[in-house]
Amino acid sequence: MPRPTAAQLAYGSCTVIFSTLAMLLLSQTSSGLGIAVIALAALALGLLVAMTVPLPGPRAVAAPAEEPAPVPVARERVPVRREPVAASAEPVREPTAP
């Protein structure tokens, strides 16, 4: 049996307290038996309310993102033409000492 949630405890407790007060005030009973009957009825009502509070459903887990389509790989190797780079005619500029 799952543990009661905070909402179930709160609703059940409030129901017991307020229904007990309401029934005692409306019945105006002063006998011990009448108070015991009202207390038991309030407890039963509180239990009923606590059990009918909707339970939280399972959390929705984010679906994993779809993997991107694979990039097509070239089947043939294309020769790369590389040209040699000539050395620069400009001198390299170096910082001077202070």
Protein backbone atom coordinates (compact mmCIF):
# COMPACT_ATOMS: atom_id res chain seq x y z
CA MET A 1 0.00 0.00 0.00
CA PRO A 2 1.51 3.36 -0.97
CA ARG A 3 2.23 6.00 1.63
CA PRO A 4 -0.31 8.83 1.87
CA THR A 5 0.61 12.04 0.10
CA ALA A 6 0.68 15.46 1.73
CA ALA A 7 -2.60 16.36 0.04
CA GLN A 8 -4.30 13.25 1.43
CA LEU A 9 -3.07 14.00 4.95
CA ALA A 10 -4.15 17.64 4.74
CA TYR A 11 -7.61 16.94 3.31
CA GLY A 12 -8.26 14.10 5.73
CA SER A 13 -7.14 16.08 8.78
CA CYS A 14 -9.16 19.16 7.84
CA THR A 15 -12.21 17.00 7.23
CA VAL A 16 -11.93 15.35 10.64
CA ILE A 17 -11.49 18.65 12.48
CA PHE A 18 -14.19 20.62 10.70
CA SER A 19 -16.74 17.82 10.57
CA THR A 20 -16.25 17.11 14.28
CA LEU A 21 -16.78 20.77 15.16
CA ALA A 22 -19.79 21.06 12.87
CA MET A 23 -21.48 17.90 14.19
CA LEU A 24 -20.83 18.84 17.82
CA LEU A 25 -22.21 22.32 17.32
CA LEU A 26 -25.24 21.14 15.36
CA SER A 27 -26.13 18.22 17.63
CA GLN A 28 -25.49 20.11 20.89
CA THR A 29 -24.74 16.81 22.58
CA SER A 30 -23.03 16.70 25.95
CA SER A 31 -23.04 12.98 26.67
CA GLY A 32 -19.87 10.92 26.36
CA LEU A 33 -21.55 8.42 24.06
CA GLY A 34 -22.75 11.16 21.68
CA ILE A 35 -19.28 12.72 21.51
CA ALA A 36 -17.71 9.30 20.85
CA VAL A 37 -20.17 8.58 18.02
CA ILE A 38 -19.49 11.99 16.47
CA ALA A 39 -15.73 11.50 16.77
CA LEU A 40 -15.91 8.07 15.10
CA ALA A 41 -18.13 9.44 12.33
CA ALA A 42 -15.69 12.30 11.75
CA LEU A 43 -12.76 9.89 11.60
CA ALA A 44 -14.59 7.70 9.09
CA LEU A 45 -15.46 10.74 6.99
CA GLY A 46 -11.85 11.97 7.12
CA LEU A 47 -10.59 8.56 6.03
CA LEU A 48 -13.07 8.48 3.16
CA VAL A 49 -12.01 11.94 1.98
CA ALA A 50 -8.31 11.09 2.26
CA MET A 51 -8.73 7.91 0.24
CA THR A 52 -10.72 9.59 -2.54
CA VAL A 53 -8.16 12.35 -3.15
CA PRO A 54 -6.73 11.57 -6.58
CA LEU A 55 -3.26 10.13 -6.42
CA PRO A 56 -0.57 11.72 -8.55
CA GLY A 57 -0.12 9.80 -11.77
CA PRO A 58 3.20 8.59 -13.03
CA ARG A 59 5.41 11.39 -14.17
CA ALA A 60 5.73 11.76 -17.88
CA VAL A 61 9.27 11.04 -18.91
CA ALA A 62 10.49 13.06 -21.84
CA ALA A 63 10.88 10.87 -24.88
CA PRO A 64 14.46 10.60 -26.02
CA ALA A 65 15.22 12.85 -28.94
CA GLU A 66 15.36 11.06 -32.22
CA GLU A 67 18.82 10.58 -33.55
CA PRO A 68 19.57 12.62 -36.63
CA ALA A 69 19.70 10.77 -39.90
CA PRO A 70 23.20 9.54 -40.69
CA VAL A 71 25.18 11.67 -43.08
CA PRO A 72 25.76 9.82 -46.34
CA VAL A 73 29.39 8.90 -46.77
CA ALA A 74 31.03 9.27 -50.16
CA ARG A 75 31.82 5.88 -51.58
CA GLU A 76 34.63 7.08 -53.84
CA ARG A 77 37.72 8.81 -52.66
CA VAL A 78 38.15 12.04 -54.49
CA PRO A 79 41.82 13.03 -54.89
CA VAL A 80 42.58 16.38 -53.34
CA ARG A 81 44.83 18.62 -55.35
CA ARG A 82 47.15 20.53 -53.08
CA GLU A 83 49.40 23.29 -54.26
CA PRO A 84 52.53 24.19 -52.37
CA VAL A 85 52.45 27.61 -50.76
CA ALA A 86 55.34 29.89 -51.54
CA ALA A 87 57.21 31.51 -48.67
CA SER A 88 56.14 35.02 -47.88
CA ALA A 89 58.37 37.85 -49.00
CA GLU A 90 57.40 40.00 -46.02
CA PRO A 91 59.58 39.84 -42.93
CA VAL A 92 58.10 38.56 -39.71
CA ARG A 93 57.36 41.39 -37.28
CA GLU A 94 58.61 40.67 -33.80
CA PRO A 95 58.07 42.84 -30.75
CA THR A 96 61.03 44.99 -29.80
CA ALA A 97 62.57 44.96 -26.35
CA PRO A 98 61.57 47.95 -24.20
